[in-house]
Amino acid sequence: MKVIVTKLLGSAEVEFLHKGVVVHRERFTGKTSSRYERAIVIREEFDAHRCRFVTAMPADRAFQYEVAP
């Protein structure tokens, strides 16, 4: 599995959840406006994912990602 980031201007995390409980987190920090892929291994089962902003910086809100097999 991988997380594909297409825009990052600060800090953000992608949280993976199972029945509303976070089972895994991936943190991304830096700046990019081009495609960046990170292969990840999640041993726990998950049924949803979401973005969580690490700081209150307005630039963090530009974070764009997708999760792919």
Protein backbone atom coordinates (compact mmCIF):
# COMPACT_ATOMS: atom_id res chain seq x y z
CA MET A 1 0.00 0.00 0.00
CA LYS A 2 1.12 3.58 -0.50
CA VAL A 3 0.22 7.13 0.34
CA ILE A 4 0.56 9.51 -2.60
CA VAL A 5 1.08 13.16 -1.70
CA THR A 6 0.50 15.74 -4.43
CA LYS A 7 0.71 18.92 -2.37
CA LEU A 8 2.37 19.63 0.97
CA LEU A 9 3.32 23.03 2.36
CA GLY A 10 3.88 22.22 6.04
CA SER A 11 3.02 19.29 8.29
CA ALA A 12 0.16 16.81 8.16
CA GLU A 13 -0.63 13.24 9.16
CA VAL A 14 -2.71 10.59 7.49
CA GLU A 15 -4.54 8.54 10.10
CA PHE A 16 -5.87 5.07 9.37
CA LEU A 17 -8.88 4.02 11.43
CA HIS A 18 -10.72 0.84 12.30
CA LYS A 19 -14.24 1.43 13.64
CA GLY A 20 -13.32 5.00 14.51
CA VAL A 21 -10.10 4.14 16.38
CA VAL A 22 -6.73 5.23 14.97
CA VAL A 23 -4.59 2.15 14.26
CA HIS A 24 -1.75 3.77 12.26
CA ARG A 25 -0.36 7.24 11.47
CA GLU A 26 1.98 8.51 8.77
CA ARG A 27 3.45 12.00 9.21
CA PHE A 28 4.50 14.18 6.29
CA THR A 29 6.56 17.34 6.71
CA GLY A 30 8.10 19.65 4.12
CA LYS A 31 7.13 21.26 0.86
CA THR A 32 6.23 19.67 -2.45
CA SER A 33 3.88 20.38 -5.32
CA SER A 34 4.88 17.30 -7.28
CA ARG A 35 3.89 13.67 -6.76
CA TYR A 36 5.58 11.89 -3.86
CA GLU A 37 4.83 8.25 -3.00
CA ARG A 38 5.55 6.56 0.31
CA ALA A 39 5.17 2.80 0.59
CA ILE A 40 3.71 1.82 3.95
CA VAL A 41 2.92 -1.39 5.79
CA ILE A 42 -0.11 -1.46 8.04
CA ARG A 43 -0.47 -4.65 10.01
CA GLU A 44 -3.83 -3.67 11.49
CA GLU A 45 -7.09 -3.78 9.56
CA PHE A 46 -8.52 -0.35 8.69
CA ASP A 47 -11.80 0.83 7.19
CA ALA A 48 -11.17 4.58 6.79
CA HIS A 49 -8.46 7.20 6.59
CA ARG A 50 -8.33 10.94 7.18
CA CYS A 51 -5.97 13.88 7.26
CA ARG A 52 -4.99 15.53 10.53
CA PHE A 53 -3.12 18.80 10.51
CA VAL A 54 -0.15 18.85 12.88
CA THR A 55 0.09 22.62 13.37
CA ALA A 56 -2.31 25.51 12.97
CA MET A 57 -0.37 27.01 10.07
CA PRO A 58 -2.62 28.02 7.14
CA ALA A 59 -0.20 26.41 4.67
CA ASP A 60 -0.95 22.97 6.18
CA ARG A 61 -4.47 23.17 4.75
CA ALA A 62 -3.06 22.79 1.22
CA PHE A 63 -2.20 19.12 1.93
CA GLN A 64 -3.52 16.75 -0.75
CA TYR A 65 -3.13 12.98 -0.65
CA GLU A 66 -4.61 9.67 -1.73
CA VAL A 67 -4.23 6.09 -0.53
CA ALA A 68 -3.59 3.41 -3.16
CA PRO A 69 -3.00 -0.34 -3.05
